[in-house]
Amino acid sequence: MGQLVAIVGRPNVGKSTLFNRLTQTRTAIVDPTAGTTRDRQYGKVDWNGKEFSIVDTGGWVVNSEDVFESEINKQVGLAIEQADEILFVVDAMNGVTDLDDHVAEILRKSKKPVILVANKVDSNDWLYNVAEFYSLGLGEPYPVSAVSGYGTGDLLDEVVKKLPEKEEEEEKLDDIPKFAIVGRPNAGKSSLINAFIGEDRHIVTDIAGTTRDSIYTRYDKFGFDFYLVDTAGIRKKNKVNEDIEYYSVIRSIRAIEASDVCILMIDGTRGIESQDSNIFSLIQKNKKGLVVCVNKWDLVEDKSITAIKHYESAIRERFAPFTDFPIIFTSALTKQRIFKVLETAVKVYENRKRTVPTSQLNTVMHEAIEAYPPPANKGKYVKIKYITMLKGAPVPTFIFFCNLPQWVKEPYRRYLENKIRENWDFNGTPINVYMREK
């Protein structure tokens, strides 16, 4: 199970810039205008072998000053409730503000580890301002510059040190598949779970999960035996607003990290939206198996084969380059093809555990390499000599040993991946292709 760090603070202190720096991406839009960040941004951080998820909570900005503080309060409250650790970002150039005091007061009352980050220390002159933040009562402020990267190494050392240890009372569930049903609000997650377990509930047992917010529901009828990582229904509100949407992202992160295969619910009446792509991206970052479930198909007027193929093509185009995953059109209300979803999820789980004999792998892949060898670079040729599948990896991982691994670029690695998928069934599961020097 992964661990979650949330970045909080008032607008325009550099939260998104810090997020980009720590994740080594440019995912979050950075602009001097307060309130630029509207969508929740989340990513993975790997520091000295320790991996954790991180969420940028910036962007709760409204025009009315009367509403402003209440929105900040919701943001920080949700972060405190769900995160394992909080990064409280302040602006070293502007010093302590009333809003900083307001957020700090909430954080002091929490029992979560808090690290105070004094951002925008872009030169030594601003180091003298950092001492002012001791007045917030949250311990030593860490001076950083998210723009240049100054101080972020020391900050990450402290983040990793303060992350709580994983709970030892985790259930031993490794031998049984764990399926998470995820998706944006009102896509039908709760309806699907109710359709699965709504009948004969006496053969379904609820087991407290390994996290504070996920419940493992044992499903063992009709020949199936797996756990549903159930976070659906938490956001059943009359109105989905921004703090609820943020809440859904946190819950999705928890559910995805706790699962083997994710069932991504898409509302068939509304099509693919940005939040679907965000959740898909999160599944990909965590290297989980995937089944896409287009729900509410009973409400769609055009159910022709042509319409289905068009819908499938649109989904795969939106989620490219990973396109080797099953898509099922269902109706949780009428229970149309819902057991097909379960059968497919089990199949994806089996694909995830599939192993390929080394001799067979080398025979097939060397033929593919001879048919289309790696492009030459500066008159030198890449020679792939040996291929093996890594044992015990969480996802199927293939190692290609060659003389010049640094010259094998992403297009050719994708070609190798496609050839692997053509010859062995890894439908629905990501695979890793690594080049190593022989």
Protein backbone atom coordinates (compact mmCIF):
# COMPACT_ATOMS: atom_id res chain seq x y z
CA MET A 1 0.00 0.00 0.00
CA GLY A 2 1.40 3.40 -0.94
CA GLN A 3 1.66 6.50 1.20
CA LEU A 4 0.23 9.90 0.43
CA VAL A 5 1.67 13.40 0.89
CA ALA A 6 -0.51 16.49 0.33
CA ILE A 7 0.76 19.96 -0.52
CA VAL A 8 -1.32 22.72 1.10
CA GLY A 9 -1.03 26.48 1.46
CA ARG A 10 -2.60 29.72 0.38
CA PRO A 11 -2.70 30.67 -3.32
CA ASN A 12 0.40 31.73 -5.23
CA VAL A 13 3.04 30.41 -2.84
CA GLY A 14 4.44 28.00 -5.45
CA LYS A 15 2.64 24.76 -4.63
CA SER A 16 2.33 23.69 -8.26
CA THR A 17 5.97 24.58 -8.98
CA LEU A 18 7.03 22.48 -6.00
CA PHE A 19 4.79 19.63 -7.20
CA ASN A 20 6.48 19.72 -10.63
CA ARG A 21 9.91 19.80 -9.02
CA LEU A 22 9.28 16.84 -6.70
CA THR A 23 7.60 14.69 -9.37
CA GLN A 24 10.13 15.75 -12.04
CA THR A 25 7.28 16.59 -14.39
CA ARG A 26 5.60 19.68 -15.81
CA THR A 27 2.08 18.39 -15.17
CA ALA A 28 0.81 21.28 -13.08
CA ILE A 29 0.27 24.61 -14.86
CA VAL A 30 2.33 27.39 -13.27
CA ASP A 31 1.26 31.02 -13.57
CA PRO A 32 1.58 34.10 -11.34
CA THR A 33 -2.21 34.45 -11.33
CA ALA A 34 -3.70 33.15 -8.09
CA GLY A 35 -6.10 30.28 -8.65
CA THR A 36 -4.50 28.92 -11.81
CA THR A 37 -4.66 25.34 -10.51
CA ARG A 38 -8.24 24.16 -10.85
CA ASP A 39 -7.90 20.40 -11.41
CA ARG A 40 -6.33 18.20 -8.77
CA GLN A 41 -2.79 17.20 -9.74
CA TYR A 42 -1.28 14.00 -8.42
CA GLY A 43 1.87 12.07 -9.14
CA LYS A 44 4.53 9.70 -7.83
CA VAL A 45 7.78 10.65 -6.15
CA ASP A 46 10.74 8.26 -5.90
CA TRP A 47 13.47 9.38 -3.53
CA ASN A 48 16.37 7.08 -2.61
CA GLY A 49 14.27 3.98 -3.24
CA LYS A 50 11.27 5.23 -1.26
CA GLU A 51 8.15 5.83 -3.37
CA PHE A 52 5.05 7.78 -2.35
CA SER A 53 2.12 9.58 -3.95
CA ILE A 54 1.80 13.36 -3.82
CA VAL A 55 -1.20 15.65 -4.37
CA ASP A 56 -1.20 19.34 -5.22
CA THR A 57 -4.23 20.86 -3.50
CA GLY A 58 -3.87 24.33 -5.00
CA GLY A 59 -6.59 26.17 -6.80
CA TRP A 60 -9.54 26.69 -4.50
CA VAL A 61 -9.86 30.33 -5.48
CA VAL A 62 -13.12 32.22 -5.76
CA ASN A 63 -13.85 35.85 -6.52
CA SER A 64 -15.56 36.62 -3.23
CA GLU A 65 -13.26 37.31 -0.31
CA ASP A 66 -16.05 36.23 2.05
CA VAL A 67 -15.96 32.68 0.69
CA PHE A 68 -12.21 32.48 0.33
CA GLU A 69 -11.28 31.42 3.85
CA SER A 70 -14.01 28.77 4.04
CA GLU A 71 -12.75 27.22 0.81
CA ILE A 72 -9.17 27.15 2.13
CA ASN A 73 -10.54 25.55 5.28
CA LYS A 74 -12.21 22.77 3.27
CA GLN A 75 -9.02 22.17 1.29
CA VAL A 76 -6.81 21.80 4.35
CA GLY A 77 -9.42 19.76 6.23
CA LEU A 78 -9.68 17.20 3.44
CA ALA A 79 -5.91 17.00 3.08
CA ILE A 80 -5.50 16.41 6.80
CA GLU A 81 -8.15 13.71 6.84
CA GLN A 82 -6.74 11.64 4.00
CA ALA A 83 -2.99 12.30 3.74
CA ASP A 84 -0.24 10.56 5.70
CA GLU A 85 1.87 13.72 5.74
CA ILE A 86 1.33 17.42 4.95
CA LEU A 87 3.70 19.84 3.20
CA PHE A 88 2.60 23.33 4.27
CA VAL A 89 4.04 25.78 1.73
CA VAL A 90 4.57 29.46 2.62
CA ASP A 91 6.15 32.36 0.72
CA ALA A 92 9.54 33.48 2.10
CA MET A 93 9.33 36.73 0.12
CA ASN A 94 6.02 37.87 1.61
CA GLY A 95 6.41 36.51 5.13
CA VAL A 96 3.59 35.33 7.38
CA THR A 97 0.06 36.34 6.34
CA ASP A 98 -3.32 36.00 8.04
CA LEU A 99 -4.19 33.07 5.77
CA ASP A 100 -0.95 31.32 6.73
CA ASP A 101 -1.93 31.71 10.39
CA HIS A 102 -5.39 30.32 9.62
CA VAL A 103 -4.04 27.19 7.89
CA ALA A 104 -1.35 26.71 10.55
CA GLU A 105 -3.98 26.77 13.29
CA ILE A 106 -5.82 23.89 11.63
CA LEU A 107 -2.61 21.93 11.07
CA ARG A 108 -1.48 22.35 14.68
CA LYS A 109 -4.69 20.67 15.87
CA SER A 110 -4.15 17.68 13.58
CA LYS A 111 -2.16 14.61 14.51
CA LYS A 112 -0.59 14.30 11.06
CA PRO A 113 3.13 14.97 10.45
CA VAL A 114 3.53 18.49 9.02
CA ILE A 115 6.61 19.88 7.29
CA LEU A 116 6.79 23.66 6.92
CA VAL A 117 8.24 24.60 3.52
CA ALA A 118 9.46 28.19 3.04
CA ASN A 119 9.43 28.52 -0.74
CA LYS A 120 10.89 31.18 -3.05
CA VAL A 121 14.29 31.31 -1.33
CA ASP A 122 15.85 32.10 -4.69
CA SER A 123 18.94 33.75 -3.20
CA ASN A 124 20.76 33.83 0.14
CA ASP A 125 19.21 37.22 0.91
CA TRP A 126 15.84 35.56 1.50
CA LEU A 127 17.23 33.08 4.03
CA TYR A 128 16.96 35.75 6.72
CA ASN A 129 13.17 35.86 6.24
CA VAL A 130 12.73 32.15 6.98
CA ALA A 131 13.08 32.52 10.74
CA GLU A 132 9.82 34.49 10.80
CA PHE A 133 7.85 31.28 10.12
CA TYR A 134 8.82 29.75 13.47
CA SER A 135 5.90 31.87 14.76
CA LEU A 136 3.47 29.46 13.06
CA GLY A 137 4.27 26.85 15.70
CA LEU A 138 4.96 24.02 13.23
CA GLY A 139 8.63 23.51 13.86
CA GLU A 140 11.63 24.28 11.68
CA PRO A 141 10.86 25.81 8.27
CA TYR A 142 12.72 24.23 5.36
CA PRO A 143 14.01 26.87 2.92
CA VAL A 144 13.61 25.78 -0.70
CA SER A 145 13.38 27.22 -4.17
CA ALA A 146 10.94 25.17 -6.24
CA VAL A 147 12.13 27.02 -9.35
CA SER A 148 15.84 26.19 -9.03
CA GLY A 149 15.57 23.06 -6.88
CA TYR A 150 17.53 24.58 -3.98
CA GLY A 151 16.87 22.69 -0.73
CA THR A 152 14.49 20.11 -2.23
CA GLY A 153 16.89 17.23 -1.56
CA ASP A 154 16.97 18.01 2.18
CA LEU A 155 13.20 18.45 2.09
CA LEU A 156 12.66 15.02 0.52
CA ASP A 157 14.99 13.44 3.10
CA GLU A 158 12.74 14.86 5.81
CA VAL A 159 9.55 13.81 4.01
CA VAL A 160 10.73 10.21 3.75
CA LYS A 161 11.88 10.21 7.38
CA LYS A 162 8.51 11.47 8.67
CA LEU A 163 6.31 9.16 6.59
CA PRO A 164 4.61 6.75 8.99
CA GLU A 165 5.56 3.11 8.74
CA LYS A 166 3.14 0.85 6.95
CA GLU A 167 0.69 -0.76 9.31
CA GLU A 168 1.79 -4.19 10.45
CA GLU A 169 -1.73 -5.52 10.85
CA GLU A 170 -2.27 -5.68 7.10
CA GLU A 171 -4.43 -8.62 6.13
CA LYS A 172 -2.67 -11.38 4.21
CA LEU A 173 -4.63 -10.93 1.01
CA ASP A 174 -1.84 -11.40 -1.53
CA ASP A 175 -3.10 -14.75 -2.80
CA ILE A 176 -6.54 -13.40 -3.68
CA PRO A 177 -7.09 -10.80 -6.44
CA LYS A 178 -8.03 -7.29 -5.35
CA PHE A 179 -10.21 -5.27 -7.75
CA ALA A 180 -10.83 -1.54 -7.29
CA ILE A 181 -13.85 0.09 -8.88
CA VAL A 182 -12.88 3.69 -9.64
CA GLY A 183 -14.21 6.56 -11.72
CA ARG A 184 -15.49 10.09 -11.57
CA PRO A 185 -18.65 11.04 -9.64
CA ASN A 186 -21.95 9.54 -10.78
CA ALA A 187 -20.36 7.06 -13.20
CA GLY A 188 -22.20 4.21 -11.49
CA LYS A 189 -19.57 2.75 -9.12
CA SER A 190 -21.99 2.25 -6.24
CA SER A 191 -24.62 0.79 -8.56
CA LEU A 192 -22.13 -1.73 -9.93
CA ILE A 193 -21.04 -2.84 -6.46
CA ASN A 194 -24.69 -3.14 -5.39
CA ALA A 195 -25.37 -5.22 -8.51
CA PHE A 196 -22.50 -7.54 -7.54
CA ILE A 197 -23.35 -8.00 -3.86
CA GLY A 198 -27.00 -6.94 -3.66
CA GLU A 199 -28.24 -10.53 -3.61
CA ASP A 200 -27.38 -13.35 -1.19
CA ARG A 201 -25.42 -11.00 1.02
CA HIS A 202 -24.87 -13.76 3.56
CA ILE A 203 -22.02 -15.17 1.47
CA VAL A 204 -20.27 -11.78 1.34
CA THR A 205 -18.12 -10.86 4.32
CA ASP A 206 -16.76 -7.36 5.01
CA ILE A 207 -13.16 -7.26 6.21
CA ALA A 208 -11.50 -4.09 7.46
CA GLY A 209 -8.90 -3.09 4.90
CA THR A 210 -5.26 -2.25 5.22
CA THR A 211 -5.98 1.48 5.14
CA ARG A 212 -8.25 3.79 7.06
CA ASP A 213 -10.50 4.39 4.08
CA SER A 214 -10.67 1.24 1.93
CA ILE A 215 -12.92 -1.70 2.75
CA TYR A 216 -12.14 -5.11 1.30
CA THR A 217 -15.36 -6.93 0.45
CA ARG A 218 -14.89 -10.67 -0.07
CA TYR A 219 -16.84 -11.88 -3.10
CA ASP A 220 -17.01 -15.66 -3.37
CA LYS A 221 -20.06 -16.69 -5.35
CA PHE A 222 -20.60 -18.02 -8.89
CA GLY A 223 -17.12 -19.52 -8.87
CA PHE A 224 -15.36 -16.22 -8.18
CA ASP A 225 -13.13 -15.48 -5.23
CA PHE A 226 -11.65 -11.98 -4.93
CA TYR A 227 -11.77 -8.77 -2.91
CA LEU A 228 -13.51 -5.62 -4.06
CA VAL A 229 -11.61 -2.55 -2.90
CA ASP A 230 -14.75 -0.61 -2.15
CA THR A 231 -14.52 3.18 -1.94
CA ALA A 232 -17.71 3.82 -3.90
CA GLY A 233 -20.62 5.78 -2.45
CA ILE A 234 -18.48 8.02 -0.26
CA ARG A 235 -19.25 11.04 -2.42
CA LYS A 236 -22.97 10.54 -2.78
CA LYS A 237 -23.98 14.18 -2.38
CA ASN A 238 -26.72 16.18 -4.04
CA LYS A 239 -24.12 18.47 -5.58
CA VAL A 240 -20.59 17.56 -6.65
CA ASN A 241 -18.38 20.56 -5.90
CA GLU A 242 -14.64 21.11 -5.91
CA ASP A 243 -13.88 19.85 -2.41
CA ILE A 244 -15.90 16.70 -3.10
CA GLU A 245 -14.02 16.23 -6.39
CA TYR A 246 -10.73 16.52 -4.51
CA TYR A 247 -12.02 13.99 -2.01
CA SER A 248 -12.72 11.59 -4.89
CA VAL A 249 -9.15 11.93 -6.14
CA ILE A 250 -7.74 11.07 -2.72
CA ARG A 251 -10.05 8.06 -2.46
CA SER A 252 -9.14 6.95 -5.98
CA ILE A 253 -5.43 7.08 -5.12
CA ARG A 254 -6.01 4.94 -2.04
CA ALA A 255 -8.19 2.41 -3.88
CA ILE A 256 -5.85 2.11 -6.87
CA GLU A 257 -2.73 1.63 -4.75
CA ALA A 258 -4.47 -1.12 -2.77
CA SER A 259 -5.57 -3.09 -5.84
CA ASP A 260 -4.23 -5.48 -8.47
CA VAL A 261 -6.75 -4.62 -11.20
CA CYS A 262 -8.77 -1.42 -11.58
CA ILE A 263 -12.23 -1.36 -13.11
CA LEU A 264 -12.51 2.16 -14.53
CA MET A 265 -16.14 3.23 -14.80
CA ILE A 266 -17.07 5.63 -17.62
CA ASP A 267 -20.54 7.15 -17.96
CA GLY A 268 -21.73 6.02 -21.39
CA THR A 269 -24.21 8.89 -21.61
CA ARG A 270 -21.53 11.56 -21.14
CA GLY A 271 -18.52 10.13 -22.93
CA ILE A 272 -14.88 10.45 -21.92
CA GLU A 273 -14.07 13.48 -19.77
CA SER A 274 -10.85 14.90 -18.38
CA GLN A 275 -11.35 13.25 -15.00
CA ASP A 276 -11.51 9.84 -16.72
CA SER A 277 -8.13 10.57 -18.30
CA ASN A 278 -6.74 11.71 -14.95
CA ILE A 279 -7.80 8.50 -13.21
CA PHE A 280 -6.48 6.41 -16.13
CA SER A 281 -3.16 8.23 -15.79
CA LEU A 282 -3.11 7.40 -12.09
CA ILE A 283 -3.73 3.72 -12.85
CA GLN A 284 -0.85 3.80 -15.33
CA LYS A 285 1.52 5.49 -12.89
CA ASN A 286 0.80 2.78 -10.35
CA LYS A 287 1.24 0.00 -12.96
CA LYS A 288 -2.12 -1.63 -12.24
CA GLY A 289 -4.21 -3.87 -14.46
CA LEU A 290 -7.12 -2.19 -16.24
CA VAL A 291 -10.64 -3.04 -17.36
CA VAL A 292 -12.65 -0.15 -18.82
CA CYS A 293 -16.36 -0.44 -18.09
CA VAL A 294 -18.69 1.84 -20.07
CA ASN A 295 -21.74 2.00 -17.80
CA LYS A 296 -25.34 3.17 -18.39
CA TRP A 297 -25.32 1.61 -21.86
CA ASP A 298 -29.07 0.99 -21.49
CA LEU A 299 -29.60 4.77 -21.67
CA VAL A 300 -27.63 5.24 -24.89
CA GLU A 301 -29.86 5.55 -27.95
CA ASP A 302 -27.49 4.19 -30.61
CA LYS A 303 -26.36 0.71 -29.52
CA SER A 304 -25.28 -0.48 -32.96
CA ILE A 305 -22.02 -2.32 -33.64
CA THR A 306 -20.78 0.77 -35.45
CA ALA A 307 -21.49 2.97 -32.42
CA ILE A 308 -19.70 0.51 -30.12
CA LYS A 309 -16.62 0.40 -32.37
CA HIS A 310 -16.60 4.20 -32.59
CA TYR A 311 -16.79 4.47 -28.79
CA GLU A 312 -14.00 1.92 -28.32
CA SER A 313 -11.81 3.74 -30.84
CA ALA A 314 -12.38 7.07 -29.05
CA ILE A 315 -11.41 5.56 -25.68
CA ARG A 316 -8.23 3.93 -26.99
CA GLU A 317 -7.25 7.10 -28.82
CA ARG A 318 -7.70 9.15 -25.65
CA PHE A 319 -5.71 6.70 -23.51
CA ALA A 320 -2.90 6.05 -26.06
CA PRO A 321 -0.15 4.85 -26.18
CA PHE A 322 -1.44 2.10 -23.85
CA THR A 323 -4.32 0.60 -25.82
CA ASP A 324 -4.17 -3.13 -25.03
CA PHE A 325 -6.99 -3.30 -22.49
CA PRO A 326 -10.54 -4.71 -22.56
CA ILE A 327 -13.61 -2.45 -22.89
CA ILE A 328 -17.01 -3.72 -21.76
CA PHE A 329 -20.36 -1.99 -22.28
CA THR A 330 -22.62 -2.59 -19.29
CA SER A 331 -25.64 -1.43 -17.36
CA ALA A 332 -25.38 -1.77 -13.60
CA LEU A 333 -29.10 -0.96 -13.36
CA THR A 334 -30.25 -3.83 -15.60
CA LYS A 335 -27.21 -5.99 -14.71
CA GLN A 336 -26.35 -6.26 -18.39
CA ARG A 337 -22.92 -7.90 -18.82
CA ILE A 338 -21.85 -7.13 -15.24
CA PHE A 339 -20.51 -10.67 -14.75
CA LYS A 340 -18.52 -10.25 -17.94
CA VAL A 341 -16.75 -7.45 -16.06
CA LEU A 342 -15.79 -9.87 -13.29
CA GLU A 343 -14.65 -12.57 -15.70
CA THR A 344 -12.52 -10.06 -17.59
CA ALA A 345 -11.00 -8.63 -14.39
CA VAL A 346 -9.99 -12.15 -13.32
CA LYS A 347 -8.46 -12.75 -16.76
CA VAL A 348 -6.45 -9.49 -16.53
CA TYR A 349 -5.24 -10.57 -13.08
CA GLU A 350 -4.07 -13.88 -14.58
CA ASN A 351 -2.33 -12.03 -17.41
CA ARG A 352 -0.58 -9.90 -14.80
CA LYS A 353 0.84 -13.08 -13.21
CA ARG A 354 1.78 -14.70 -16.53
CA THR A 355 5.36 -15.89 -17.03
CA VAL A 356 7.06 -16.65 -20.35
CA PRO A 357 9.77 -19.34 -20.54
CA THR A 358 13.16 -17.84 -21.33
CA SER A 359 13.86 -20.17 -24.26
CA GLN A 360 10.52 -19.40 -25.89
CA LEU A 361 10.98 -15.68 -25.26
CA ASN A 362 14.41 -15.62 -26.91
CA THR A 363 13.28 -17.66 -29.94
CA VAL A 364 10.27 -15.47 -30.71
CA MET A 365 11.80 -12.08 -29.91
CA HIS A 366 15.06 -12.68 -31.79
CA GLU A 367 12.99 -13.34 -34.90
CA ALA A 368 11.20 -10.02 -34.36
CA ILE A 369 14.52 -8.23 -33.77
CA GLU A 370 16.03 -9.70 -36.96
CA ALA A 371 12.98 -8.60 -38.95
CA TYR A 372 13.32 -5.05 -37.62
CA PRO A 373 16.65 -4.39 -35.86
CA PRO A 374 17.28 -1.30 -33.70
CA PRO A 375 18.26 1.79 -35.72
CA ALA A 376 22.00 2.40 -36.04
CA ASN A 377 23.55 5.42 -34.35
CA LYS A 378 26.73 7.09 -35.70
CA GLY A 379 27.62 3.98 -37.65
CA LYS A 380 27.33 1.67 -34.65
CA TYR A 381 24.73 -1.07 -34.37
CA VAL A 382 22.80 -2.15 -31.29
CA LYS A 383 23.01 -5.93 -30.84
CA ILE A 384 20.44 -7.50 -28.53
CA LYS A 385 21.97 -10.74 -27.32
CA TYR A 386 19.69 -12.14 -24.64
CA ILE A 387 16.17 -11.60 -23.28
CA THR A 388 14.72 -12.70 -19.95
CA MET A 389 11.61 -12.08 -17.90
CA LEU A 390 12.22 -10.80 -14.39
CA LYS A 391 10.83 -13.12 -11.74
CA GLY A 392 8.89 -11.76 -8.79
CA ALA A 393 8.22 -8.33 -10.36
CA PRO A 394 4.85 -6.73 -9.51
CA VAL A 395 4.12 -6.33 -13.24
CA PRO A 396 5.48 -8.33 -16.22
CA THR A 397 9.02 -7.03 -16.74
CA PHE A 398 11.32 -7.96 -19.62
CA ILE A 399 15.07 -7.32 -19.69
CA PHE A 400 16.85 -7.03 -23.04
CA PHE A 401 20.63 -7.34 -22.73
CA CYS A 402 22.55 -5.52 -25.46
CA ASN A 403 25.83 -3.74 -26.16
CA LEU A 404 24.52 -0.14 -26.35
CA PRO A 405 21.35 0.15 -24.21
CA GLN A 406 21.47 3.95 -24.11
CA TRP A 407 20.84 4.13 -27.85
CA VAL A 408 17.60 2.15 -27.78
CA LYS A 409 14.93 4.85 -27.81
CA GLU A 410 11.27 4.78 -26.79
CA PRO A 411 9.82 3.97 -30.28
CA TYR A 412 11.86 0.77 -30.50
CA ARG A 413 11.02 -0.24 -26.93
CA ARG A 414 7.38 0.22 -27.87
CA TYR A 415 7.94 -2.01 -30.90
CA LEU A 416 9.37 -4.72 -28.63
CA GLU A 417 6.43 -4.36 -26.26
CA ASN A 418 3.96 -4.70 -29.13
CA LYS A 419 5.70 -7.88 -30.32
CA ILE A 420 5.50 -9.32 -26.81
CA ARG A 421 1.78 -8.54 -26.70
CA GLU A 422 1.27 -10.10 -30.14
CA ASN A 423 2.74 -13.41 -29.02
CA TRP A 424 1.54 -13.65 -25.41
CA ASP A 425 -1.67 -12.49 -23.79
CA PHE A 426 -0.94 -9.51 -21.55
CA ASN A 427 -4.26 -7.80 -22.32
CA GLY A 428 -5.16 -5.24 -19.65
CA THR A 429 -1.83 -5.19 -17.85
CA PRO A 430 1.11 -2.81 -18.34
CA ILE A 431 4.49 -4.36 -19.02
CA ASN A 432 7.98 -2.97 -18.48
CA VAL A 433 10.71 -3.23 -21.14
CA TYR A 434 14.23 -2.42 -19.96
CA MET A 435 17.50 -2.38 -21.88
CA ARG A 436 20.60 -3.44 -19.95
CA GLU A 437 24.23 -3.67 -20.94
CA LYS A 438 25.53 -7.19 -21.44
